[in-house]
Amino acid sequence: CGYFYLPTVLMNIDDSMLITREETFGPVAGITAFADEEEVIAK
């Protein structure tokens, strides 16, 4: 009863996906690979 969503892990997310461009405010972790520290900071 209520608005429950299972904790979710998504792999291989990219910049075309809403999860990378909007605040989800839910139990979702999107995981993406990066080559180095500079790339992860820029993303």
ModelCIF file with pLDDT and N, C-alpha, C, O atoms, coordinates in Angstrom:
data_MODEL
#
_entry.id   MODEL 
#
_entity.id                         1 
_entity.type                       polymer 
_entity.pdbx_number_of_molecules   1 
#
_entity_poly.entity_id                      1 
_entity_poly.type                           'polypeptide(L)' 
_entity_poly.nstd_linkage                   no 
_entity_poly.nstd_monomer                   no 
_entity_poly.pdbx_seq_one_letter_code       CGYFYLPTVLMNIDDSMLITREETFGPVAGITAFADEEEVIAK 
_entity_poly.pdbx_seq_one_letter_code_can   CGYFYLPTVLMNIDDSMLITREETFGPVAGITAFADEEEVIAK 
_entity_poly.pdbx_strand_id                 A 
#
loop_
_entity_poly_seq.entity_id 
_entity_poly_seq.num 
_entity_poly_seq.mon_id 
_entity_poly_seq.hetero 
1 1  CYS n 
1 2  GLY n 
1 3  TYR n 
1 4  PHE n 
1 5  TYR n 
1 6  LEU n 
1 7  PRO n 
1 8  THR n 
1 9  VAL n 
1 10 LEU n 
1 11 MET n 
1 12 ASN n 
1 13 ILE n 
1 14 ASP n 
1 15 ASP n 
1 16 SER n 
1 17 MET n 
1 18 LEU n 
1 19 ILE n 
1 20 THR n 
1 21 ARG n 
1 22 GLU n 
1 23 GLU n 
1 24 THR n 
1 25 PHE n 
1 26 GLY n 
1 27 PRO n 
1 28 VAL n 
1 29 ALA n 
1 30 GLY n 
1 31 ILE n 
1 32 THR n 
1 33 ALA n 
1 34 PHE n 
1 35 ALA n 
1 36 ASP n 
1 37 GLU n 
1 38 GLU n 
1 39 GLU n 
1 40 VAL n 
1 41 ILE n 
1 42 ALA n 
1 43 LYS n 
#
_struct_asym.id          A 
_struct_asym.entity_id   1 
#
loop_
_ma_qa_metric.id 
_ma_qa_metric.mode 
_ma_qa_metric.name 
_ma_qa_metric.software_group_id 
_ma_qa_metric.type 
1 global pLDDT . pLDDT 
2 local  pLDDT . pLDDT 
#
_ma_qa_metric_global.metric_id      1 
_ma_qa_metric_global.metric_value   94.00 
_ma_qa_metric_global.model_id       1 
_ma_qa_metric_global.ordinal_id     1 
#
loop_
_ma_qa_metric_local.label_asym_id 
_ma_qa_metric_local.label_comp_id 
_ma_qa_metric_local.label_seq_id 
_ma_qa_metric_local.metric_id 
_ma_qa_metric_local.metric_value 
_ma_qa_metric_local.model_id 
_ma_qa_metric_local.ordinal_id 
A CYS 1  2 83.00 1 1  
A GLY 2  2 87.00 1 2  
A TYR 3  2 94.00 1 3  
A PHE 4  2 93.00 1 4  
A TYR 5  2 96.00 1 5  
A LEU 6  2 95.00 1 6  
A PRO 7  2 96.00 1 7  
A THR 8  2 98.00 1 8  
A VAL 9  2 98.00 1 9  
A LEU 10 2 98.00 1 10 
A MET 11 2 98.00 1 11 
A ASN 12 2 96.00 1 12 
A ILE 13 2 96.00 1 13 
A ASP 14 2 94.00 1 14 
A ASP 15 2 91.00 1 15 
A SER 16 2 95.00 1 16 
A MET 17 2 96.00 1 17 
A LEU 18 2 96.00 1 18 
A ILE 19 2 94.00 1 19 
A THR 20 2 92.00 1 20 
A ARG 21 2 89.00 1 21 
A GLU 22 2 91.00 1 22 
A GLU 23 2 89.00 1 23 
A THR 24 2 93.00 1 24 
A PHE 25 2 93.00 1 25 
A GLY 26 2 96.00 1 26 
A PRO 27 2 96.00 1 27 
A VAL 28 2 97.00 1 28 
A ALA 29 2 95.00 1 29 
A GLY 30 2 95.00 1 30 
A ILE 31 2 94.00 1 31 
A THR 32 2 91.00 1 32 
A ALA 33 2 90.00 1 33 
A PHE 34 2 91.00 1 34 
A ALA 35 2 94.00 1 35 
A ASP 36 2 95.00 1 36 
A GLU 37 2 96.00 1 37 
A GLU 38 2 97.00 1 38 
A GLU 39 2 96.00 1 39 
A VAL 40 2 93.00 1 40 
A ILE 41 2 97.00 1 41 
A ALA 42 2 96.00 1 42 
A LYS 43 2 92.00 1 43 
#
loop_
_atom_site.group_PDB 
_atom_site.id 
_atom_site.type_symbol 
_atom_site.label_atom_id 
_atom_site.label_alt_id 
_atom_site.label_comp_id 
_atom_site.label_asym_id 
_atom_site.label_entity_id 
_atom_site.label_seq_id 
_atom_site.pdbx_PDB_ins_code 
_atom_site.Cartn_x 
_atom_site.Cartn_y 
_atom_site.Cartn_z 
_atom_site.occupancy 
_atom_site.B_iso_or_equiv 
_atom_site.pdbx_formal_charge 
_atom_site.auth_seq_id 
_atom_site.auth_comp_id 
_atom_site.auth_asym_id 
_atom_site.auth_atom_id 
_atom_site.pdbx_PDB_model_num 
ATOM 1   N N  . CYS A 1 1  ? 0.860  -1.177 0.000   1.00 83.00 ? 1  CYS A N  1 
ATOM 2   C CA . CYS A 1 1  ? 0.000  0.000  0.000   1.00 83.00 ? 1  CYS A CA 1 
ATOM 3   C C  . CYS A 1 1  ? 0.899  1.230  0.000   1.00 83.00 ? 1  CYS A C  1 
ATOM 4   O O  . CYS A 1 1  ? 1.706  1.393  0.916   1.00 83.00 ? 1  CYS A O  1 
ATOM 5   N N  . GLY A 1 2  ? 0.785  2.079  -0.979  1.00 87.00 ? 2  GLY A N  1 
ATOM 6   C CA . GLY A 1 2  ? 1.628  3.266  -1.065  1.00 87.00 ? 2  GLY A CA 1 
ATOM 7   C C  . GLY A 1 2  ? 2.423  3.269  -2.361  1.00 87.00 ? 2  GLY A C  1 
ATOM 8   O O  . GLY A 1 2  ? 2.164  2.478  -3.267  1.00 87.00 ? 2  GLY A O  1 
ATOM 9   N N  . TYR A 1 3  ? 3.384  4.162  -2.433  1.00 94.00 ? 3  TYR A N  1 
ATOM 10  C CA . TYR A 1 3  ? 4.142  4.393  -3.660  1.00 94.00 ? 3  TYR A CA 1 
ATOM 11  C C  . TYR A 1 3  ? 5.561  3.831  -3.528  1.00 94.00 ? 3  TYR A C  1 
ATOM 12  O O  . TYR A 1 3  ? 6.538  4.578  -3.485  1.00 94.00 ? 3  TYR A O  1 
ATOM 13  N N  . PHE A 1 4  ? 5.650  2.526  -3.465  1.00 93.00 ? 4  PHE A N  1 
ATOM 14  C CA . PHE A 1 4  ? 6.932  1.850  -3.279  1.00 93.00 ? 4  PHE A CA 1 
ATOM 15  C C  . PHE A 1 4  ? 7.509  1.398  -4.619  1.00 93.00 ? 4  PHE A C  1 
ATOM 16  O O  . PHE A 1 4  ? 6.794  0.894  -5.485  1.00 93.00 ? 4  PHE A O  1 
ATOM 17  N N  . TYR A 1 5  ? 8.820  1.592  -4.767  1.00 96.00 ? 5  TYR A N  1 
ATOM 18  C CA . TYR A 1 5  ? 9.539  1.142  -5.952  1.00 96.00 ? 5  TYR A CA 1 
ATOM 19  C C  . TYR A 1 5  ? 10.774 0.405  -5.459  1.00 96.00 ? 5  TYR A C  1 
ATOM 20  O O  . TYR A 1 5  ? 11.482 0.878  -4.570  1.00 96.00 ? 5  TYR A O  1 
ATOM 21  N N  . LEU A 1 6  ? 11.022 -0.747 -6.042  1.00 95.00 ? 6  LEU A N  1 
ATOM 22  C CA . LEU A 1 6  ? 12.177 -1.537 -5.619  1.00 95.00 ? 6  LEU A CA 1 
ATOM 23  C C  . LEU A 1 6  ? 13.479 -0.783 -5.871  1.00 95.00 ? 6  LEU A C  1 
ATOM 24  O O  . LEU A 1 6  ? 13.619 -0.132 -6.906  1.00 95.00 ? 6  LEU A O  1 
ATOM 25  N N  . PRO A 1 7  ? 14.435 -0.859 -4.943  1.00 96.00 ? 7  PRO A N  1 
ATOM 26  C CA . PRO A 1 7  ? 15.754 -0.285 -5.221  1.00 96.00 ? 7  PRO A CA 1 
ATOM 27  C C  . PRO A 1 7  ? 16.282 -0.881 -6.522  1.00 96.00 ? 7  PRO A C  1 
ATOM 28  O O  . PRO A 1 7  ? 16.266 -2.097 -6.718  1.00 96.00 ? 7  PRO A O  1 
ATOM 29  N N  . THR A 1 8  ? 16.747 -0.003 -7.406  1.00 98.00 ? 8  THR A N  1 
ATOM 30  C CA . THR A 1 8  ? 17.066 -0.393 -8.773  1.00 98.00 ? 8  THR A CA 1 
ATOM 31  C C  . THR A 1 8  ? 18.484 0.018  -9.143  1.00 98.00 ? 8  THR A C  1 
ATOM 32  O O  . THR A 1 8  ? 18.927 1.120  -8.821  1.00 98.00 ? 8  THR A O  1 
ATOM 33  N N  . VAL A 1 9  ? 19.178 -0.865 -9.811  1.00 98.00 ? 9  VAL A N  1 
ATOM 34  C CA . VAL A 1 9  ? 20.512 -0.574 -10.342 1.00 98.00 ? 9  VAL A CA 1 
ATOM 35  C C  . VAL A 1 9  ? 20.474 -0.802 -11.844 1.00 98.00 ? 9  VAL A C  1 
ATOM 36  O O  . VAL A 1 9  ? 20.084 -1.869 -12.319 1.00 98.00 ? 9  VAL A O  1 
ATOM 37  N N  . LEU A 1 10 ? 20.889 0.228  -12.585 1.00 98.00 ? 10 LEU A N  1 
ATOM 38  C CA . LEU A 1 10 ? 20.970 0.168  -14.048 1.00 98.00 ? 10 LEU A CA 1 
ATOM 39  C C  . LEU A 1 10 ? 22.415 0.331  -14.475 1.00 98.00 ? 10 LEU A C  1 
ATOM 40  O O  . LEU A 1 10 ? 23.092 1.266  -14.047 1.00 98.00 ? 10 LEU A O  1 
ATOM 41  N N  . MET A 1 11 ? 22.890 -0.573 -15.316 1.00 98.00 ? 11 MET A N  1 
ATOM 42  C CA . MET A 1 11 ? 24.254 -0.489 -15.840 1.00 98.00 ? 11 MET A CA 1 
ATOM 43  C C  . MET A 1 11 ? 24.208 0.050  -17.264 1.00 98.00 ? 11 MET A C  1 
ATOM 44  O O  . MET A 1 11 ? 23.177 -0.003 -17.935 1.00 98.00 ? 11 MET A O  1 
ATOM 45  N N  . ASN A 1 12 ? 25.337 0.564  -17.704 1.00 96.00 ? 12 ASN A N  1 
ATOM 46  C CA . ASN A 1 12 ? 25.518 1.055  -19.079 1.00 96.00 ? 12 ASN A CA 1 
ATOM 47  C C  . ASN A 1 12 ? 24.586 2.213  -19.417 1.00 96.00 ? 12 ASN A C  1 
ATOM 48  O O  . ASN A 1 12 ? 24.061 2.281  -20.529 1.00 96.00 ? 12 ASN A O  1 
ATOM 49  N N  . ILE A 1 13 ? 24.376 3.122  -18.468 1.00 96.00 ? 13 ILE A N  1 
ATOM 50  C CA . ILE A 1 13 ? 23.575 4.290  -18.811 1.00 96.00 ? 13 ILE A CA 1 
ATOM 51  C C  . ILE A 1 13 ? 24.434 5.241  -19.645 1.00 96.00 ? 13 ILE A C  1 
ATOM 52  O O  . ILE A 1 13 ? 25.663 5.215  -19.574 1.00 96.00 ? 13 ILE A O  1 
ATOM 53  N N  . ASP A 1 14 ? 23.768 6.072  -20.428 1.00 94.00 ? 14 ASP A N  1 
ATOM 54  C CA . ASP A 1 14 ? 24.505 7.042  -21.236 1.00 94.00 ? 14 ASP A CA 1 
ATOM 55  C C  . ASP A 1 14 ? 23.762 8.374  -21.241 1.00 94.00 ? 14 ASP A C  1 
ATOM 56  O O  . ASP A 1 14 ? 22.676 8.500  -20.675 1.00 94.00 ? 14 ASP A O  1 
ATOM 57  N N  . ASP A 1 15 ? 24.367 9.359  -21.888 1.00 91.00 ? 15 ASP A N  1 
ATOM 58  C CA . ASP A 1 15 ? 23.853 10.728 -21.857 1.00 91.00 ? 15 ASP A CA 1 
ATOM 59  C C  . ASP A 1 15 ? 22.529 10.924 -22.581 1.00 91.00 ? 15 ASP A C  1 
ATOM 60  O O  . ASP A 1 15 ? 21.920 11.987 -22.453 1.00 91.00 ? 15 ASP A O  1 
ATOM 61  N N  . SER A 1 16 ? 22.067 9.942  -23.331 1.00 95.00 ? 16 SER A N  1 
ATOM 62  C CA . SER A 1 16 ? 20.787 10.081 -24.030 1.00 95.00 ? 16 SER A CA 1 
ATOM 63  C C  . SER A 1 16 ? 19.600 9.764  -23.114 1.00 95.00 ? 16 SER A C  1 
ATOM 64  O O  . SER A 1 16 ? 18.453 10.007 -23.492 1.00 95.00 ? 16 SER A O  1 
ATOM 65  N N  . MET A 1 17 ? 19.852 9.237  -21.939 1.00 96.00 ? 17 MET A N  1 
ATOM 66  C CA . MET A 1 17 ? 18.786 8.750  -21.059 1.00 96.00 ? 17 MET A CA 1 
ATOM 67  C C  . MET A 1 17 ? 18.329 9.819  -20.077 1.00 96.00 ? 17 MET A C  1 
ATOM 68  O O  . MET A 1 17 ? 19.131 10.623 -19.602 1.00 96.00 ? 17 MET A O  1 
ATOM 69  N N  . LEU A 1 18 ? 17.045 9.822  -19.778 1.00 96.00 ? 18 LEU A N  1 
ATOM 70  C CA . LEU A 1 18 ? 16.475 10.784 -18.833 1.00 96.00 ? 18 LEU A CA 1 
ATOM 71  C C  . LEU A 1 18 ? 17.170 10.739 -17.479 1.00 96.00 ? 18 LEU A C  1 
ATOM 72  O O  . LEU A 1 18 ? 17.327 11.770 -16.825 1.00 96.00 ? 18 LEU A O  1 
ATOM 73  N N  . ILE A 1 19 ? 17.581 9.568  -17.065 1.00 94.00 ? 19 ILE A N  1 
ATOM 74  C CA . ILE A 1 19 ? 18.196 9.418  -15.744 1.00 94.00 ? 19 ILE A CA 1 
ATOM 75  C C  . ILE A 1 19 ? 19.497 10.222 -15.630 1.00 94.00 ? 19 ILE A C  1 
ATOM 76  O O  . ILE A 1 19 ? 19.926 10.544 -14.522 1.00 94.00 ? 19 ILE A O  1 
ATOM 77  N N  . THR A 1 20 ? 20.120 10.545 -16.754 1.00 92.00 ? 20 THR A N  1 
ATOM 78  C CA . THR A 1 20 ? 21.344 11.350 -16.716 1.00 92.00 ? 20 THR A CA 1 
ATOM 79  C C  . THR A 1 20 ? 21.067 12.833 -16.901 1.00 92.00 ? 20 THR A C  1 
ATOM 80  O O  . THR A 1 20 ? 21.970 13.652 -16.730 1.00 92.00 ? 20 THR A O  1 
ATOM 81  N N  . ARG A 1 21 ? 19.841 13.192 -17.246 1.00 89.00 ? 21 ARG A N  1 
ATOM 82  C CA . ARG A 1 21 ? 19.521 14.593 -17.536 1.00 89.00 ? 21 ARG A CA 1 
ATOM 83  C C  . ARG A 1 21 ? 18.484 15.208 -16.603 1.00 89.00 ? 21 ARG A C  1 
ATOM 84  O O  . ARG A 1 21 ? 18.284 16.422 -16.631 1.00 89.00 ? 21 ARG A O  1 
ATOM 85  N N  . GLU A 1 22 ? 17.825 14.405 -15.782 1.00 91.00 ? 22 GLU A N  1 
ATOM 86  C CA . GLU A 1 22 ? 16.808 14.898 -14.857 1.00 91.00 ? 22 GLU A CA 1 
ATOM 87  C C  . GLU A 1 22 ? 17.062 14.318 -13.471 1.00 91.00 ? 22 GLU A C  1 
ATOM 88  O O  . GLU A 1 22 ? 17.703 13.277 -13.330 1.00 91.00 ? 22 GLU A O  1 
ATOM 89  N N  . GLU A 1 23 ? 16.555 14.997 -12.461 1.00 89.00 ? 23 GLU A N  1 
ATOM 90  C CA . GLU A 1 23 ? 16.653 14.488 -11.101 1.00 89.00 ? 23 GLU A CA 1 
ATOM 91  C C  . GLU A 1 23 ? 15.551 13.454 -10.893 1.00 89.00 ? 23 GLU A C  1 
ATOM 92  O O  . GLU A 1 23 ? 14.365 13.777 -10.965 1.00 89.00 ? 23 GLU A O  1 
ATOM 93  N N  . THR A 1 24 ? 15.945 12.222 -10.637 1.00 93.00 ? 24 THR A N  1 
ATOM 94  C CA . THR A 1 24 ? 14.986 11.130 -10.505 1.00 93.00 ? 24 THR A CA 1 
ATOM 95  C C  . THR A 1 24 ? 14.272 11.171 -9.156  1.00 93.00 ? 24 THR A C  1 
ATOM 96  O O  . THR A 1 24 ? 13.066 10.929 -9.102  1.00 93.00 ? 24 THR A O  1 
ATOM 97  N N  . PHE A 1 25 ? 14.964 11.462 -8.091  1.00 93.00 ? 25 PHE A N  1 
ATOM 98  C CA . PHE A 1 25 ? 14.429 11.460 -6.728  1.00 93.00 ? 25 PHE A CA 1 
ATOM 99  C C  . PHE A 1 25 ? 13.716 10.151 -6.407  1.00 93.00 ? 25 PHE A C  1 
ATOM 100 O O  . PHE A 1 25 ? 12.582 10.143 -5.928  1.00 93.00 ? 25 PHE A O  1 
ATOM 101 N N  . GLY A 1 26 ? 14.398 9.061  -6.677  1.00 96.00 ? 26 GLY A N  1 
ATOM 102 C CA . GLY A 1 26 ? 13.861 7.748  -6.379  1.00 96.00 ? 26 GLY A CA 1 
ATOM 103 C C  . GLY A 1 26 ? 15.006 6.769  -6.169  1.00 96.00 ? 26 GLY A C  1 
ATOM 104 O O  . GLY A 1 26 ? 16.170 7.130  -6.345  1.00 96.00 ? 26 GLY A O  1 
ATOM 105 N N  . PRO A 1 27 ? 14.691 5.547  -5.800  1.00 96.00 ? 27 PRO A N  1 
ATOM 106 C CA . PRO A 1 27 ? 15.718 4.558  -5.458  1.00 96.00 ? 27 PRO A CA 1 
ATOM 107 C C  . PRO A 1 27 ? 16.344 3.901  -6.690  1.00 96.00 ? 27 PRO A C  1 
ATOM 108 O O  . PRO A 1 27 ? 16.264 2.686  -6.872  1.00 96.00 ? 27 PRO A O  1 
ATOM 109 N N  . VAL A 1 28 ? 16.968 4.731  -7.532  1.00 97.00 ? 28 VAL A N  1 
ATOM 110 C CA . VAL A 1 28 ? 17.567 4.234  -8.772  1.00 97.00 ? 28 VAL A CA 1 
ATOM 111 C C  . VAL A 1 28 ? 19.012 4.713  -8.847  1.00 97.00 ? 28 VAL A C  1 
ATOM 112 O O  . VAL A 1 28 ? 19.283 5.909  -8.732  1.00 97.00 ? 28 VAL A O  1 
ATOM 113 N N  . ALA A 1 29 ? 19.929 3.784  -9.038  1.00 95.00 ? 29 ALA A N  1 
ATOM 114 C CA . ALA A 1 29 ? 21.337 4.113  -9.247  1.00 95.00 ? 29 ALA A CA 1 
ATOM 115 C C  . ALA A 1 29 ? 21.697 3.740  -10.674 1.00 95.00 ? 29 ALA A C  1 
ATOM 116 O O  . ALA A 1 29 ? 21.575 2.584  -11.078 1.00 95.00 ? 29 ALA A O  1 
ATOM 117 N N  . GLY A 1 30 ? 22.136 4.725  -11.424 1.00 95.00 ? 30 GLY A N  1 
ATOM 118 C CA . GLY A 1 30 ? 22.598 4.483  -12.783 1.00 95.00 ? 30 GLY A CA 1 
ATOM 119 C C  . GLY A 1 30 ? 24.112 4.425  -12.799 1.00 95.00 ? 30 GLY A C  1 
ATOM 120 O O  . GLY A 1 30 ? 24.775 5.312  -12.260 1.00 95.00 ? 30 GLY A O  1 
ATOM 121 N N  . ILE A 1 31 ? 24.659 3.396  -13.406 1.00 94.00 ? 31 ILE A N  1 
ATOM 122 C CA . ILE A 1 31 ? 26.111 3.197  -13.416 1.00 94.00 ? 31 ILE A CA 1 
ATOM 123 C C  . ILE A 1 31 ? 26.621 3.295  -14.846 1.00 94.00 ? 31 ILE A C  1 
ATOM 124 O O  . ILE A 1 31 ? 26.076 2.688  -15.767 1.00 94.00 ? 31 ILE A O  1 
ATOM 125 N N  . THR A 1 32 ? 27.676 4.072  -15.003 1.00 91.00 ? 32 THR A N  1 
ATOM 126 C CA . THR A 1 32 ? 28.303 4.227  -16.309 1.00 91.00 ? 32 THR A CA 1 
ATOM 127 C C  . THR A 1 32 ? 29.816 4.114  -16.149 1.00 91.00 ? 32 THR A C  1 
ATOM 128 O O  . THR A 1 32 ? 30.357 4.412  -15.085 1.00 91.00 ? 32 THR A O  1 
ATOM 129 N N  . ALA A 1 33 ? 30.476 3.694  -17.183 1.00 90.00 ? 33 ALA A N  1 
ATOM 130 C CA . ALA A 1 33 ? 31.937 3.586  -17.152 1.00 90.00 ? 33 ALA A CA 1 
ATOM 131 C C  . ALA A 1 33 ? 32.556 4.918  -17.560 1.00 90.00 ? 33 ALA A C  1 
ATOM 132 O O  . ALA A 1 33 ? 31.936 5.717  -18.262 1.00 90.00 ? 33 ALA A O  1 
ATOM 133 N N  . PHE A 1 34 ? 33.769 5.140  -17.116 1.00 91.00 ? 34 PHE A N  1 
ATOM 134 C CA . PHE A 1 34 ? 34.507 6.327  -17.520 1.00 91.00 ? 34 PHE A CA 1 
ATOM 135 C C  . PHE A 1 34 ? 35.978 5.971  -17.635 1.00 91.00 ? 34 PHE A C  1 
ATOM 136 O O  . PHE A 1 34 ? 36.465 5.053  -16.975 1.00 91.00 ? 34 PHE A O  1 
ATOM 137 N N  . ALA A 1 35 ? 36.681 6.716  -18.486 1.00 94.00 ? 35 ALA A N  1 
ATOM 138 C CA . ALA A 1 35 ? 38.080 6.400  -18.750 1.00 94.00 ? 35 ALA A CA 1 
ATOM 139 C C  . ALA A 1 35 ? 39.023 6.957  -17.696 1.00 94.00 ? 35 ALA A C  1 
ATOM 140 O O  . ALA A 1 35 ? 40.010 6.315  -17.335 1.00 94.00 ? 35 ALA A O  1 
ATOM 141 N N  . ASP A 1 36 ? 38.719 8.160  -17.201 1.00 95.00 ? 36 ASP A N  1 
ATOM 142 C CA . ASP A 1 36 ? 39.609 8.795  -16.237 1.00 95.00 ? 36 ASP A CA 1 
ATOM 143 C C  . ASP A 1 36 ? 38.845 9.828  -15.413 1.00 95.00 ? 36 ASP A C  1 
ATOM 144 O O  . ASP A 1 36 ? 37.662 10.078 -15.644 1.00 95.00 ? 36 ASP A O  1 
ATOM 145 N N  . GLU A 1 37 ? 39.536 10.415 -14.463 1.00 96.00 ? 37 GLU A N  1 
ATOM 146 C CA . GLU A 1 37 ? 38.929 11.381 -13.553 1.00 96.00 ? 37 GLU A CA 1 
ATOM 147 C C  . GLU A 1 37 ? 38.376 12.594 -14.298 1.00 96.00 ? 37 GLU A C  1 
ATOM 148 O O  . GLU A 1 37 ? 37.302 13.088 -13.953 1.00 96.00 ? 37 GLU A O  1 
ATOM 149 N N  . GLU A 1 38 ? 39.077 13.071 -15.293 1.00 97.00 ? 38 GLU A N  1 
ATOM 150 C CA . GLU A 1 38 ? 38.613 14.236 -16.060 1.00 97.00 ? 38 GLU A CA 1 
ATOM 151 C C  . GLU A 1 38 ? 37.262 13.961 -16.722 1.00 97.00 ? 38 GLU A C  1 
ATOM 152 O O  . GLU A 1 38 ? 36.383 14.822 -16.729 1.00 97.00 ? 38 GLU A O  1 
ATOM 153 N N  . GLU A 1 39 ? 37.104 12.767 -17.272 1.00 96.00 ? 39 GLU A N  1 
ATOM 154 C CA . GLU A 1 39 ? 35.847 12.419 -17.932 1.00 96.00 ? 39 GLU A CA 1 
ATOM 155 C C  . GLU A 1 39 ? 34.690 12.357 -16.941 1.00 96.00 ? 39 GLU A C  1 
ATOM 156 O O  . GLU A 1 39 ? 33.596 12.838 -17.236 1.00 96.00 ? 39 GLU A O  1 
ATOM 157 N N  . VAL A 1 40 ? 34.922 11.774 -15.777 1.00 93.00 ? 40 VAL A N  1 
ATOM 158 C CA . VAL A 1 40 ? 33.837 11.654 -14.812 1.00 93.00 ? 40 VAL A CA 1 
ATOM 159 C C  . VAL A 1 40 ? 33.440 13.026 -14.259 1.00 93.00 ? 40 VAL A C  1 
ATOM 160 O O  . VAL A 1 40 ? 32.258 13.262 -14.010 1.00 93.00 ? 40 VAL A O  1 
ATOM 161 N N  . ILE A 1 41 ? 34.382 13.915 -14.065 1.00 97.00 ? 41 ILE A N  1 
ATOM 162 C CA . ILE A 1 41 ? 34.070 15.268 -13.610 1.00 97.00 ? 41 ILE A CA 1 
ATOM 163 C C  . ILE A 1 41 ? 33.260 15.999 -14.674 1.00 97.00 ? 41 ILE A C  1 
ATOM 164 O O  . ILE A 1 41 ? 32.264 16.651 -14.360 1.00 97.00 ? 41 ILE A O  1 
ATOM 165 N N  . ALA A 1 42 ? 33.681 15.892 -15.924 1.00 96.00 ? 42 ALA A N  1 
ATOM 166 C CA . ALA A 1 42 ? 32.944 16.548 -17.016 1.00 96.00 ? 42 ALA A CA 1 
ATOM 167 C C  . ALA A 1 42 ? 31.521 16.002 -17.120 1.00 96.00 ? 42 ALA A C  1 
ATOM 168 O O  . ALA A 1 42 ? 30.577 16.774 -17.286 1.00 96.00 ? 42 ALA A O  1 
ATOM 169 N N  . LYS A 1 43 ? 31.357 14.688 -17.024 1.00 92.00 ? 43 LYS A N  1 
ATOM 170 C CA . LYS A 1 43 ? 30.011 14.088 -17.101 1.00 92.00 ? 43 LYS A CA 1 
ATOM 171 C C  . LYS A 1 43 ? 29.142 14.531 -15.934 1.00 92.00 ? 43 LYS A C  1 
ATOM 172 O O  . LYS A 1 43 ? 27.984 14.125 -15.839 1.00 92.00 ? 43 LYS A O  1 
#
